[in-house]
């Protein structure tokens, strides 16, 4: 009937290998607050005190404390009267005065990170969404739909944005047994599969991975760059979790840094769009909405049109832009001095380090729980904020869920939500559609307060052991209508 819905946005002909088959069942409820009231209605006793939405990438919703320095800088910028007097610490007032003048903090940050000069004219501030960027790569009026190579499993929001723009998701699969690493033979397979169905325009990569937690090595990144050069594809590098290196000895390498190190011809021919955001990582300011994209090696003649396009689309709010500045130029130890006058600089650095330690500790705690349970395995989380464990189902469990018209992991997540107050995202909704006997769950590991951490660890798999991990008695134990 022409109505716009999640279902109609994802409809594809059955014979199209670029088909995006996921039909979300939990997503409509996860992005609103009503599911907490629905699963804990007034007067109905539940074995949990609150609903934990572990499917969300909103760190502050899971008790990540906002950085004091960020909030004080926001206050000073929005109410400059606070600069007159000692209400705000001296280093905060200094940062506010800098922000109220001219600064090129994003390009300076990229230059420091990569050791290569960054041109401010190639950087565009966004509201944190990839929708504007996709308009560059998805032309209107083409006789053949635009295709974008997209990892599976991956972040759903990007796939929804592609569908809304009229583009096709061309999946390339990340394999758990290969550590969720990007494999060149799989990329070549995806390209061959898409021929004749769409015009491949771009390759989307997520590093660190969401939801897999995999971090690409520099050599892997360079292999992907060579592949993109051979296929003449634009690389869209989603690097929003670059501040969250969890694995021991892990170091983030940006796609731009690897590209510049490769030298000519790659360094001056491969088109790269590098994406970052304040919503993710240690900043975790989802509500402020701010980010940027740096465009590398794009045709200079396109700059005017690109500028017009970004100008016509929603930009980051003022608060989002202020927070973005602090993200790319955070206080550093000893900057400018370790005196009382600059106590907030040191406090902010301590808060950042404290949050890093808490995330790493939570990953280790979760790993300990998972490793103690039968039928559950996972790849180590090297970066990002999500764990992506695999749950093995018996045939009896699979039959039970299919008789009720649901995927096993979807039913599993619904029961976890209803019975334990834990909201995971089933792997089926992230593109994991192969092998019903082995399915995955996405869960955020950023639960920092003692009470939340204990609730996450102690309750997370009590239901698993009782119901799913003893699948032979599942039908007897579950009365799921």
Protein backbone atom coordinates (compact mmCIF):
# COMPACT_ATOMS: atom_id res chain seq x y z
CA UNK A 1 0.00 0.00 0.00
CA UNK A 2 3.00 2.27 -0.21
CA UNK A 3 3.28 2.90 3.54
CA UNK A 4 6.74 3.43 4.99
CA UNK A 5 7.80 0.92 7.63
CA UNK A 6 10.80 -1.11 8.72
CA UNK A 7 9.37 -4.02 6.77
CA UNK A 8 8.78 -2.14 3.50
CA UNK A 9 12.17 -0.42 3.75
CA UNK A 10 13.90 -3.79 3.69
CA UNK A 11 11.85 -5.61 1.07
CA UNK A 12 14.01 -7.03 -1.72
CA UNK A 13 13.24 -9.50 -4.52
CA UNK A 14 13.83 -13.05 -3.36
CA UNK A 15 16.29 -13.70 -6.17
CA UNK A 16 18.47 -10.71 -5.32
CA UNK A 17 21.71 -11.73 -3.57
CA UNK A 18 21.94 -8.21 -2.14
CA UNK A 19 18.79 -8.93 -0.15
CA UNK A 20 18.75 -7.61 3.40
CA UNK A 21 16.58 -10.22 5.11
CA UNK A 22 16.50 -8.97 8.68
CA UNK A 23 13.01 -8.14 9.89
CA UNK A 24 13.55 -6.48 13.26
CA UNK A 25 11.32 -7.62 16.11
CA UNK A 26 12.92 -5.96 19.14
CA UNK A 27 14.25 -2.77 17.57
CA UNK A 28 10.95 -0.81 17.67
CA UNK A 29 10.92 -1.05 21.47
CA UNK A 30 14.60 -0.68 22.26
CA UNK A 31 14.85 2.98 21.33
CA UNK A 32 12.13 4.16 23.69
CA UNK A 33 11.52 4.06 27.41
CA UNK A 34 8.14 2.36 27.34
CA UNK A 35 9.58 -1.16 27.21
CA UNK A 36 10.74 -0.76 30.82
CA UNK A 37 7.19 0.00 31.92
CA UNK A 38 5.80 -2.75 29.70
CA UNK A 39 7.97 -5.46 31.19
CA UNK A 40 7.67 -4.14 34.76
CA UNK A 41 4.07 -2.86 34.92
CA UNK A 42 2.91 -1.32 38.21
CA UNK A 43 1.77 -3.91 40.73
CA UNK A 44 3.39 -6.86 38.93
CA UNK A 45 6.28 -8.41 40.83
CA UNK A 46 9.41 -9.26 38.89
CA UNK A 47 12.66 -10.82 40.14
CA UNK A 48 14.63 -7.72 39.14
CA UNK A 49 14.64 -4.10 40.29
CA UNK A 50 15.15 -2.43 36.93
CA UNK A 51 15.41 -3.18 33.22
CA UNK A 52 18.96 -3.02 31.87
CA UNK A 53 19.08 -2.15 28.18
CA UNK A 54 22.33 -3.89 27.27
CA UNK A 55 21.55 -3.66 23.56
CA UNK A 56 22.12 0.08 23.56
CA UNK A 57 25.36 1.83 22.80
CA UNK A 58 24.46 4.66 25.18
CA UNK A 59 27.19 4.47 27.85
CA UNK A 60 25.64 7.03 30.18
CA UNK A 61 22.36 5.11 30.25
CA UNK A 62 24.44 2.29 31.74
CA UNK A 63 25.94 4.54 34.41
CA UNK A 64 29.04 5.85 32.62
CA UNK A 65 29.61 9.12 34.44
CA UNK A 66 29.69 12.23 32.22
CA UNK A 67 33.09 13.92 32.26
CA UNK A 68 32.96 16.86 34.66
CA UNK A 69 35.24 18.95 32.44
CA UNK A 70 32.89 18.55 29.46
CA UNK A 71 29.82 19.63 31.40
CA UNK A 72 31.59 22.64 32.94
CA UNK A 73 32.87 23.78 29.53
CA UNK A 74 29.31 23.48 28.19
CA UNK A 75 28.02 25.59 31.08
CA UNK A 76 30.63 28.28 30.48
CA UNK A 77 29.94 28.48 26.74
CA UNK A 78 26.17 28.62 27.15
CA UNK A 79 26.29 31.09 30.06
CA UNK A 80 29.47 33.21 29.67
CA UNK A 81 28.65 35.19 32.81
CA UNK A 82 30.17 32.24 34.68
CA UNK A 83 33.56 33.31 33.32
CA UNK A 84 33.53 36.36 35.58
CA UNK A 85 34.56 35.04 38.96
CA UNK A 86 35.68 31.75 40.42
CA UNK A 87 32.52 29.69 39.86
CA UNK A 88 34.34 27.66 37.20
CA UNK A 89 37.94 26.42 37.60
CA UNK A 90 40.63 28.40 35.80
CA UNK A 91 41.40 25.74 33.19
CA UNK A 92 37.70 25.46 32.29
CA UNK A 93 37.47 29.25 31.83
CA UNK A 94 40.58 29.13 29.65
CA UNK A 95 39.07 26.43 27.43
CA UNK A 96 35.77 28.33 27.11
CA UNK A 97 37.57 31.49 26.04
CA UNK A 98 39.45 29.49 23.41
CA UNK A 99 36.21 27.96 22.13
CA UNK A 100 34.51 31.34 21.89
CA UNK A 101 37.32 32.38 19.55
CA UNK A 102 38.58 30.57 16.43
CA UNK A 103 39.95 27.04 16.63
CA UNK A 104 40.77 24.12 14.35
CA UNK A 105 40.72 21.43 17.01
CA UNK A 106 39.47 18.55 14.81
CA UNK A 107 42.19 18.90 12.19
CA UNK A 108 44.80 19.29 14.96
CA UNK A 109 43.52 16.09 16.60
CA UNK A 110 43.71 14.10 13.36
CA UNK A 111 47.21 15.45 12.64
CA UNK A 112 48.42 14.40 16.11
CA UNK A 113 46.77 10.99 15.85
CA UNK A 114 48.06 10.06 12.39
CA UNK A 115 51.31 12.02 12.14
CA UNK A 116 50.03 13.50 8.86
CA UNK A 117 48.71 17.01 8.31
CA UNK A 118 44.93 17.29 8.12
CA UNK A 119 43.24 20.01 6.06
CA UNK A 120 40.34 21.71 7.93
CA UNK A 121 38.63 22.26 4.57
CA UNK A 122 38.20 18.48 4.24
CA UNK A 123 36.38 18.14 7.56
CA UNK A 124 32.61 18.46 7.94
CA UNK A 125 30.86 18.60 11.30
CA UNK A 126 27.75 16.43 11.43
CA UNK A 127 25.02 15.51 13.89
CA UNK A 128 26.62 12.09 14.28
CA UNK A 129 24.49 10.43 11.60
CA UNK A 130 25.78 8.81 8.41
CA UNK A 131 22.64 9.79 6.47
CA UNK A 132 24.16 12.98 5.05
CA UNK A 133 27.31 11.17 3.98
CA UNK A 134 25.30 8.53 2.13
CA UNK A 135 23.72 11.21 -0.05
CA UNK A 136 27.17 11.76 -1.55
CA UNK A 137 27.46 8.16 -2.67
CA UNK A 138 23.91 7.32 -3.69
CA UNK A 139 23.02 9.25 -6.86
CA UNK A 140 19.41 9.87 -7.78
CA UNK A 141 17.94 8.73 -11.06
CA UNK A 142 20.41 5.92 -11.72
CA UNK A 143 19.06 2.98 -13.72
CA UNK A 144 20.92 0.59 -11.39
CA UNK A 145 20.70 0.82 -7.63
CA UNK A 146 23.79 1.81 -5.71
CA UNK A 147 25.32 -0.95 -3.61
CA UNK A 148 27.48 -0.65 -0.51
CA UNK A 149 29.59 -3.53 0.79
CA UNK A 150 28.50 -3.88 4.41
CA UNK A 151 29.81 -6.23 7.12
CA UNK A 152 27.55 -8.81 8.70
CA UNK A 153 27.08 -8.69 11.61
CA UNK A 154 27.08 -4.92 11.90
CA UNK A 155 25.35 -1.88 13.27
CA UNK A 156 21.70 -1.82 12.18
CA UNK A 157 21.34 1.95 11.93
CA UNK A 158 23.66 2.12 8.92
CA UNK A 159 21.67 -0.53 7.05
CA UNK A 160 18.41 1.28 7.76
CA UNK A 161 19.97 4.53 6.46
CA UNK A 162 21.05 2.76 3.26
CA UNK A 163 17.56 1.41 2.71
CA UNK A 164 16.02 4.83 3.32
CA UNK A 165 18.38 6.31 0.73
CA UNK A 166 17.37 3.67 -1.83
CA UNK A 167 20.70 1.85 -1.79
CA UNK A 168 21.34 -1.87 -1.47
CA UNK A 169 23.21 -3.63 1.32
CA UNK A 170 25.76 -5.99 -0.24
CA UNK A 171 26.80 -8.17 2.70
CA UNK A 172 30.27 -9.49 3.32
CA UNK A 173 30.40 -11.90 6.24
CA UNK A 174 32.70 -11.76 9.23
CA UNK A 175 33.37 -15.25 10.62
CA UNK A 176 33.68 -15.94 14.31
CA UNK A 177 36.16 -18.78 13.73
CA UNK A 178 38.40 -16.21 12.00
CA UNK A 179 38.21 -13.80 14.93
CA UNK A 180 35.66 -11.59 13.11
CA UNK A 181 38.49 -10.26 10.93
CA UNK A 182 37.79 -8.88 7.44
CA UNK A 183 38.78 -11.53 4.87
CA UNK A 184 39.82 -10.54 1.34
CA UNK A 185 38.38 -13.67 -0.26
CA UNK A 186 35.01 -12.85 1.30
CA UNK A 187 35.15 -9.30 -0.07
CA UNK A 188 35.88 -10.65 -3.56
CA UNK A 189 32.99 -13.12 -3.22
CA UNK A 190 30.61 -10.31 -2.28
CA UNK A 191 31.72 -8.22 -5.28
CA UNK A 192 31.12 -11.09 -7.69
CA UNK A 193 27.72 -11.82 -6.17
CA UNK A 194 26.58 -8.21 -6.62
CA UNK A 195 27.51 -7.91 -10.30
CA UNK A 196 24.47 -7.23 -12.44
CA UNK A 197 22.27 -6.38 -9.46
CA UNK A 198 23.72 -3.03 -8.38
CA UNK A 199 26.43 -0.48 -8.99
CA UNK A 200 28.95 -0.97 -6.18
CA UNK A 201 30.04 2.43 -4.94
CA UNK A 202 31.52 2.05 -1.46
CA UNK A 203 32.94 -0.31 1.15
CA UNK A 204 31.77 0.22 4.73
CA UNK A 205 34.08 -0.92 7.52
CA UNK A 206 33.69 -0.63 11.30
CA UNK A 207 36.88 -0.46 13.34
CA UNK A 208 36.76 -1.26 16.23
CA UNK A 209 33.95 -3.61 15.33
CA UNK A 210 30.34 -3.20 16.41
CA UNK A 211 29.08 -5.64 17.67
CA UNK A 212 32.08 -7.98 17.36
CA UNK A 213 34.70 -6.05 19.35
CA UNK A 214 37.38 -6.93 16.77
CA UNK A 215 40.18 -4.41 16.12
CA UNK A 216 41.86 -4.43 12.72
CA UNK A 217 45.62 -4.57 12.51
CA UNK A 218 47.50 -2.12 10.32
CA UNK A 219 48.35 -4.89 7.83
CA UNK A 220 44.67 -5.88 7.58
CA UNK A 221 43.70 -2.26 6.95
CA UNK A 222 46.28 -1.96 4.18
CA UNK A 223 44.94 -5.12 2.53
CA UNK A 224 41.45 -3.63 2.56
CA UNK A 225 42.78 -0.40 1.06
CA UNK A 226 44.43 -2.32 -1.81
CA UNK A 227 41.17 -4.15 -2.41
CA UNK A 228 39.23 -0.86 -2.53
CA UNK A 229 41.76 0.54 -4.99
CA UNK A 230 41.40 -2.50 -7.27
CA UNK A 231 37.60 -2.28 -7.22
CA UNK A 232 37.54 1.54 -7.32
CA UNK A 233 35.45 1.75 -4.17
CA UNK A 234 35.13 4.59 -1.68
CA UNK A 235 36.04 3.47 1.85
CA UNK A 236 33.64 4.55 4.57
CA UNK A 237 35.54 3.96 7.82
CA UNK A 238 33.34 4.04 10.93
CA UNK A 239 35.90 4.68 13.67
CA UNK A 240 33.66 5.93 16.47
CA UNK A 241 35.03 3.48 19.07
CA UNK A 242 38.67 4.40 18.52
CA UNK A 243 39.03 5.60 22.15
CA UNK A 244 38.03 2.14 23.48
CA UNK A 245 41.04 -0.12 23.13
CA UNK A 246 40.36 -2.97 25.56
CA UNK A 247 42.70 -5.79 24.54
CA UNK A 248 46.10 -5.85 26.16
CA UNK A 249 48.65 -4.04 24.01
CA UNK A 250 46.02 -3.03 21.43
CA UNK A 251 46.65 0.22 19.58
CA UNK A 252 44.19 1.92 17.27
CA UNK A 253 45.35 2.57 13.71
CA UNK A 254 43.13 4.79 11.61
CA UNK A 255 42.46 4.08 7.96
CA UNK A 256 43.94 7.45 7.06
CA UNK A 257 47.18 6.74 8.86
CA UNK A 258 47.55 3.37 7.10
CA UNK A 259 46.64 4.95 3.76
CA UNK A 260 49.24 7.70 4.07
CA UNK A 261 51.93 5.20 5.14
CA UNK A 262 51.33 3.17 1.98
CA UNK A 263 52.46 6.06 -0.18
CA UNK A 264 51.71 6.56 -3.87
CA UNK A 265 49.68 5.57 -5.72
CA UNK A 266 47.30 4.58 -2.91
CA UNK A 267 47.83 7.64 -0.71
CA UNK A 268 46.65 10.01 -3.42
CA UNK A 269 43.99 7.92 -5.21
CA UNK A 270 41.89 5.94 -2.69
CA UNK A 271 38.88 7.97 -1.59
CA UNK A 272 38.28 7.71 2.15
CA UNK A 273 35.55 9.03 4.43
CA UNK A 274 36.57 8.72 8.10
CA UNK A 275 33.74 9.01 10.65
CA UNK A 276 33.92 9.86 14.35
CA UNK A 277 31.32 10.82 16.95
CA UNK A 278 30.88 12.05 20.52
CA UNK A 279 28.03 9.55 21.02
CA UNK A 280 30.28 6.52 21.39
CA UNK A 281 33.48 5.64 23.18
CA UNK A 282 34.60 7.18 26.44
CA UNK A 283 32.83 10.48 25.73
CA UNK A 284 29.46 8.75 25.55
CA UNK A 285 27.44 11.93 24.97
CA UNK A 286 24.66 10.33 22.91
CA UNK A 287 22.10 13.04 23.64
CA UNK A 288 24.23 15.96 22.48
CA UNK A 289 24.53 14.68 18.89
CA UNK A 290 27.83 15.64 17.30
CA UNK A 291 30.46 14.16 15.04
CA UNK A 292 32.60 14.77 12.02
CA UNK A 293 33.66 13.19 8.77
CA UNK A 294 37.00 13.79 7.05
CA UNK A 295 37.02 13.29 3.28
CA UNK A 296 40.39 12.25 1.84
CA UNK A 297 41.35 12.28 -1.86
CA UNK A 298 37.96 13.47 -3.07
CA UNK A 299 37.97 15.41 -6.34
CA UNK A 300 38.54 19.13 -5.53
CA UNK A 301 35.91 20.06 -8.12
CA UNK A 302 33.33 18.34 -5.89
CA UNK A 303 34.06 20.48 -2.83
CA UNK A 304 31.49 23.14 -3.58
CA UNK A 305 28.73 20.58 -4.07
CA UNK A 306 29.81 18.69 -0.95
CA UNK A 307 29.74 21.92 1.04
CA UNK A 308 26.25 22.69 -0.23
CA UNK A 309 25.04 19.21 0.64
CA UNK A 310 26.32 19.34 4.22
CA UNK A 311 25.03 22.88 4.62
CA UNK A 312 21.55 21.78 3.61
CA UNK A 313 21.45 18.94 6.13
CA UNK A 314 21.10 19.13 9.93
CA UNK A 315 24.40 19.96 11.60
CA UNK A 316 25.47 19.25 15.14
CA UNK A 317 23.80 21.37 17.80
CA UNK A 318 25.87 24.04 19.51
CA UNK A 319 26.32 21.81 22.56
CA UNK A 320 27.29 18.92 20.30
CA UNK A 321 29.99 21.01 18.64
CA UNK A 322 31.36 22.14 22.00
CA UNK A 323 31.51 18.56 23.27
CA UNK A 324 33.13 17.50 19.99
CA UNK A 325 35.89 20.03 20.58
CA UNK A 326 36.60 18.62 24.04
CA UNK A 327 36.61 15.07 22.65
CA UNK A 328 39.30 15.82 20.07
CA UNK A 329 41.29 18.04 22.43
CA UNK A 330 40.89 16.47 25.88
CA UNK A 331 42.88 17.65 28.89
CA UNK A 332 46.17 15.82 29.16
CA UNK A 333 48.30 15.20 32.25
CA UNK A 334 50.62 18.09 32.98
CA UNK A 335 48.77 20.41 30.59
CA UNK A 336 49.31 23.23 31.32
CA UNK A 337 50.53 22.49 34.86
CA UNK A 338 49.80 20.38 37.89
CA UNK A 339 48.78 23.30 40.09
CA UNK A 340 45.59 24.04 41.94
CA UNK A 341 44.58 26.49 39.23
CA UNK A 342 44.31 23.66 36.73
CA UNK A 343 42.79 20.99 38.93
CA UNK A 344 39.95 20.21 36.46
CA UNK A 345 42.47 19.21 33.78
CA UNK A 346 43.87 16.56 36.10
CA UNK A 347 40.41 15.51 37.31
CA UNK A 348 39.18 15.00 33.73
CA UNK A 349 42.23 12.91 32.89
CA UNK A 350 41.63 10.82 36.02
CA UNK A 351 37.96 10.34 35.10
CA UNK A 352 38.88 9.15 31.60
CA UNK A 353 41.42 6.68 32.99
CA UNK A 354 38.90 5.50 35.59
CA UNK A 355 36.29 4.83 32.91
CA UNK A 356 38.83 2.89 30.84
CA UNK A 357 39.75 0.72 33.80
CA UNK A 358 36.08 0.10 34.63
CA UNK A 359 35.30 -1.02 31.06
CA UNK A 360 38.29 -3.37 31.00
CA UNK A 361 37.32 -4.82 34.39
CA UNK A 362 33.74 -5.38 33.22
CA UNK A 363 34.96 -7.19 30.11
CA UNK A 364 37.09 -9.48 32.26
CA UNK A 365 34.21 -10.08 34.69
CA UNK A 366 31.84 -10.90 31.86
CA UNK A 367 34.44 -13.19 30.28
CA UNK A 368 34.73 -15.07 33.56
CA UNK A 369 30.97 -15.65 33.69
CA UNK A 370 30.75 -16.73 30.06
CA UNK A 371 33.68 -19.09 30.30
CA UNK A 372 32.09 -20.84 33.26
CA UNK A 373 28.93 -21.75 31.34
CA UNK A 374 28.42 -24.64 28.93
CA UNK A 375 27.24 -23.99 25.36
CA UNK A 376 28.42 -20.36 25.43
CA UNK A 377 31.58 -19.16 23.70
CA UNK A 378 32.89 -15.83 22.51
CA UNK A 379 35.79 -14.14 20.84
CA UNK A 380 37.83 -11.82 23.06
CA UNK A 381 36.67 -8.20 23.01
CA UNK A 382 39.62 -6.15 21.76
CA UNK A 383 37.86 -2.80 21.35
CA UNK A 384 34.52 -1.04 21.44
CA UNK A 385 31.85 -1.54 24.09
CA UNK A 386 30.02 -4.73 23.16
CA UNK A 387 30.35 -8.41 23.84
CA UNK A 388 28.97 -10.76 21.17
CA UNK A 389 28.75 -14.25 22.71
CA UNK A 390 27.53 -17.33 20.86
CA UNK A 391 24.80 -19.49 22.40
CA UNK A 392 24.47 -23.04 21.08
CA UNK A 393 20.92 -24.39 20.88
CA UNK A 394 19.77 -27.98 20.76
CA UNK A 395 17.47 -29.14 17.98
CA UNK A 396 14.62 -29.33 20.52
CA UNK A 397 15.05 -25.64 21.29
CA UNK A 398 15.17 -24.75 17.61
CA UNK A 399 12.02 -26.75 16.88
CA UNK A 400 10.21 -25.14 19.81
CA UNK A 401 10.94 -21.59 18.61
CA UNK A 402 10.17 -22.33 14.96
CA UNK A 403 6.79 -23.83 15.89
CA UNK A 404 5.99 -20.43 17.37
CA UNK A 405 7.22 -18.51 14.35
CA UNK A 406 10.34 -17.02 15.95
CA UNK A 407 14.08 -17.33 15.61
CA UNK A 408 15.67 -19.07 18.62
CA UNK A 409 17.77 -16.08 19.63
CA UNK A 410 14.82 -13.70 19.27
CA UNK A 411 12.71 -15.85 21.61
CA UNK A 412 15.69 -16.14 23.93
CA UNK A 413 16.12 -12.35 24.13
CA UNK A 414 12.41 -11.76 24.67
CA UNK A 415 12.41 -14.19 27.58
CA UNK A 416 15.56 -12.64 29.06
CA UNK A 417 13.84 -9.28 28.89
CA UNK A 418 10.57 -10.46 30.41
CA UNK A 419 11.94 -12.80 33.08
CA UNK A 420 15.28 -11.21 33.99
CA UNK A 421 14.95 -7.56 32.92
CA UNK A 422 17.98 -7.86 30.64
CA UNK A 423 17.61 -6.47 27.15
CA UNK A 424 20.02 -7.99 24.61
CA UNK A 425 19.88 -7.68 20.84
CA UNK A 426 19.62 -11.04 19.04
CA UNK A 427 22.24 -11.79 16.42
CA UNK A 428 19.47 -12.42 13.89
CA UNK A 429 18.71 -8.71 13.83
CA UNK A 430 22.37 -7.89 13.19
CA UNK A 431 22.63 -10.11 10.13
CA UNK A 432 23.49 -13.47 11.73
CA UNK A 433 21.09 -15.67 9.77
CA UNK A 434 23.25 -18.72 9.09
CA UNK A 435 23.05 -21.75 11.37
CA UNK A 436 20.15 -21.66 13.79
CA UNK A 437 21.95 -23.97 16.19
CA UNK A 438 24.59 -21.28 16.85
CA UNK A 439 23.28 -17.77 17.41
CA UNK A 440 24.66 -14.66 19.04
CA UNK A 441 23.61 -11.94 21.45
CA UNK A 442 24.84 -8.36 21.56
CA UNK A 443 25.37 -6.92 25.02
CA UNK A 444 27.03 -3.69 26.13
CA UNK A 445 29.83 -4.16 28.66
CA UNK A 446 29.74 -0.58 29.94
CA UNK A 447 28.07 -1.14 33.30
CA UNK A 448 30.19 0.75 35.77
CA UNK A 449 28.46 1.07 39.14
CA UNK A 450 28.81 -1.83 41.55
CA UNK A 451 25.08 -2.50 41.71
CA UNK A 452 24.63 -2.54 37.92
CA UNK A 453 27.71 -4.66 37.40
CA UNK A 454 26.54 -7.22 39.93
CA UNK A 455 23.06 -7.31 38.36
CA UNK A 456 24.57 -7.79 34.90
CA UNK A 457 26.88 -10.60 35.93
CA UNK A 458 24.74 -12.51 38.42
CA UNK A 459 21.46 -12.41 36.52
CA UNK A 460 22.69 -12.45 32.94
CA UNK A 461 22.86 -16.20 32.52
CA UNK A 462 20.79 -17.66 35.34
CA UNK A 463 17.92 -17.87 32.84
CA UNK A 464 20.26 -19.40 30.26
CA UNK A 465 21.25 -22.24 32.52
CA UNK A 466 17.69 -22.89 33.63
CA UNK A 467 16.04 -22.75 30.22
CA UNK A 468 18.22 -22.59 27.15
CA UNK A 469 21.34 -24.44 28.15
CA UNK A 470 19.16 -27.36 29.22
CA UNK A 471 17.29 -27.37 25.96
CA UNK A 472 15.99 -30.91 26.33
CA UNK A 473 13.58 -29.66 28.99
CA UNK A 474 12.88 -26.30 27.34
CA UNK A 475 9.36 -27.13 26.21
CA UNK A 476 8.41 -28.30 29.68
CA UNK A 477 9.88 -25.26 31.43
CA UNK A 478 8.64 -22.53 29.05
CA UNK A 479 5.03 -21.62 28.66
CA UNK A 480 5.59 -19.03 25.96
CA UNK A 481 2.52 -17.96 24.04
